[in-house]
Amino acid sequence: MTATWDSVCARAAELPEVTVGDHHGMGAIRFRKNVLATRPDDTVVRIMVAEEQIREAVAEFDWCTTVMWGATPSAVAVTLAEADPTVVVELLTDAWRRRAPKSMVARFDGA
């Protein structure tokens, strides 16, 4: 199975208080007002995980690259056609965990 923007959005909708919309002309997945992921084009999704997770994903998967914001790694860019959909969902969930309140994450984990 191949990861697609639609499949990523469908899985994101399973996370509490996540919406799909627009961010400066790109598709975006948000938790409240925080951007979790963007789609700059039809082939890539950028997922805003912690710097450590960016490094780990890039080291482990050849379909991941680092997105820089100035001198700081800000996201992992995932080439959807090559990506493992399970890993993409894990990265997106990790991005959500960074932004969601600890109590919400605990409830989600207990569900």
Protein backbone atom coordinates (compact mmCIF):
# COMPACT_ATOMS: atom_id res chain seq x y z
CA MET A 1 0.00 0.00 0.00
CA THR A 2 1.25 3.48 -0.88
CA ALA A 3 0.92 6.53 1.34
CA THR A 4 -1.10 9.37 -0.19
CA TRP A 5 -2.12 12.78 1.08
CA ASP A 6 -5.71 11.54 1.37
CA SER A 7 -4.68 8.50 3.41
CA VAL A 8 -2.50 10.66 5.67
CA CYS A 9 -5.42 13.09 6.19
CA ALA A 10 -7.81 10.24 6.95
CA ARG A 11 -5.49 8.88 9.63
CA ALA A 12 -4.88 12.38 11.01
CA ALA A 13 -8.63 12.82 11.43
CA GLU A 14 -8.49 10.00 13.99
CA LEU A 15 -6.37 12.19 16.29
CA PRO A 16 -8.23 14.46 18.75
CA GLU A 17 -8.88 18.04 17.58
CA VAL A 18 -7.05 17.63 14.27
CA THR A 19 -8.29 19.42 11.17
CA VAL A 20 -7.24 19.50 7.53
CA GLY A 21 -7.13 22.79 5.66
CA ASP A 22 -4.82 25.30 4.02
CA HIS A 23 -1.49 26.81 5.06
CA HIS A 24 -0.19 29.48 2.65
CA GLY A 25 -1.63 27.67 -0.36
CA MET A 26 -0.56 24.19 0.74
CA GLY A 27 -2.65 21.45 2.23
CA ALA A 28 -2.12 21.35 5.98
CA ILE A 29 -2.92 19.18 8.96
CA ARG A 30 -3.31 21.08 12.23
CA PHE A 31 -3.88 20.45 15.89
CA ARG A 32 -5.84 23.50 16.96
CA LYS A 33 -3.75 26.30 15.41
CA ASN A 34 -0.48 24.35 15.29
CA VAL A 35 0.63 23.00 11.92
CA LEU A 36 1.54 19.32 12.16
CA ALA A 37 2.13 18.64 8.47
CA THR A 38 1.98 20.36 5.09
CA ARG A 39 1.76 19.22 1.50
CA PRO A 40 3.93 21.43 -0.72
CA ASP A 41 3.03 19.31 -3.77
CA ASP A 42 1.35 16.02 -4.64
CA THR A 43 4.47 13.94 -3.97
CA VAL A 44 5.66 15.13 -0.55
CA VAL A 45 4.32 15.67 2.94
CA ARG A 46 6.35 17.62 5.50
CA ILE A 47 5.79 16.46 9.07
CA MET A 48 6.82 18.72 11.95
CA VAL A 49 8.42 16.32 14.43
CA ALA A 50 11.19 17.00 16.95
CA GLU A 51 14.72 17.51 15.66
CA GLU A 52 15.84 14.15 17.07
CA GLN A 53 13.03 12.38 15.20
CA ILE A 54 13.93 14.21 11.99
CA ARG A 55 17.51 12.94 12.26
CA GLU A 56 16.36 9.40 13.05
CA ALA A 57 13.90 9.26 10.14
CA VAL A 58 16.43 10.63 7.65
CA ALA A 59 19.08 8.16 8.86
CA GLU A 60 16.73 5.19 8.67
CA PHE A 61 14.61 5.82 5.56
CA ASP A 62 15.86 6.92 2.16
CA TRP A 63 12.43 8.43 1.43
CA CYS A 64 12.91 11.03 4.19
CA THR A 65 14.86 14.29 3.96
CA THR A 66 15.37 17.19 6.33
CA VAL A 67 13.47 20.45 5.88
CA MET A 68 15.38 23.41 7.29
CA TRP A 69 13.97 26.66 8.68
CA GLY A 70 17.04 28.85 8.58
CA ALA A 71 19.76 26.87 10.33
CA THR A 72 17.30 24.68 12.25
CA PRO A 73 15.76 21.38 11.11
CA SER A 74 12.00 21.99 11.23
CA ALA A 75 10.39 18.97 9.57
CA VAL A 76 10.94 15.67 7.85
CA ALA A 77 9.93 15.63 4.18
CA VAL A 78 8.44 12.29 3.18
CA THR A 79 8.26 11.16 -0.46
CA LEU A 80 4.80 9.60 -0.38
CA ALA A 81 5.17 7.13 -3.26
CA GLU A 82 8.14 5.47 -1.54
CA ALA A 83 7.06 5.81 2.09
CA ASP A 84 5.87 3.13 4.47
CA PRO A 85 2.34 4.30 5.39
CA THR A 86 2.68 2.93 8.92
CA VAL A 87 5.79 5.00 9.56
CA VAL A 88 4.14 8.11 8.09
CA VAL A 89 1.24 7.71 10.54
CA GLU A 90 3.71 7.20 13.41
CA LEU A 91 5.52 10.43 12.47
CA LEU A 92 2.24 12.33 12.23
CA THR A 93 1.13 10.98 15.60
CA ASP A 94 4.47 12.04 17.09
CA ALA A 95 3.95 15.55 15.68
CA TRP A 96 0.51 15.62 17.34
CA ARG A 97 1.98 14.40 20.64
CA ARG A 98 4.43 17.36 20.61
CA ARG A 99 1.55 19.85 20.45
CA ALA A 100 -1.29 18.22 22.38
CA PRO A 101 -1.61 18.73 26.14
CA LYS A 102 -0.17 15.91 28.22
CA SER A 103 -3.61 15.11 29.64
CA MET A 104 -5.04 14.72 26.12
CA VAL A 105 -2.14 12.47 25.08
CA ALA A 106 -2.70 10.33 28.19
CA ARG A 107 -6.41 9.96 27.38
CA PHE A 108 -5.58 9.09 23.77
CA ASP A 109 -3.04 6.49 24.86
CA GLY A 110 -5.52 4.99 27.30
CA ALA A 111 -8.22 4.67 24.64
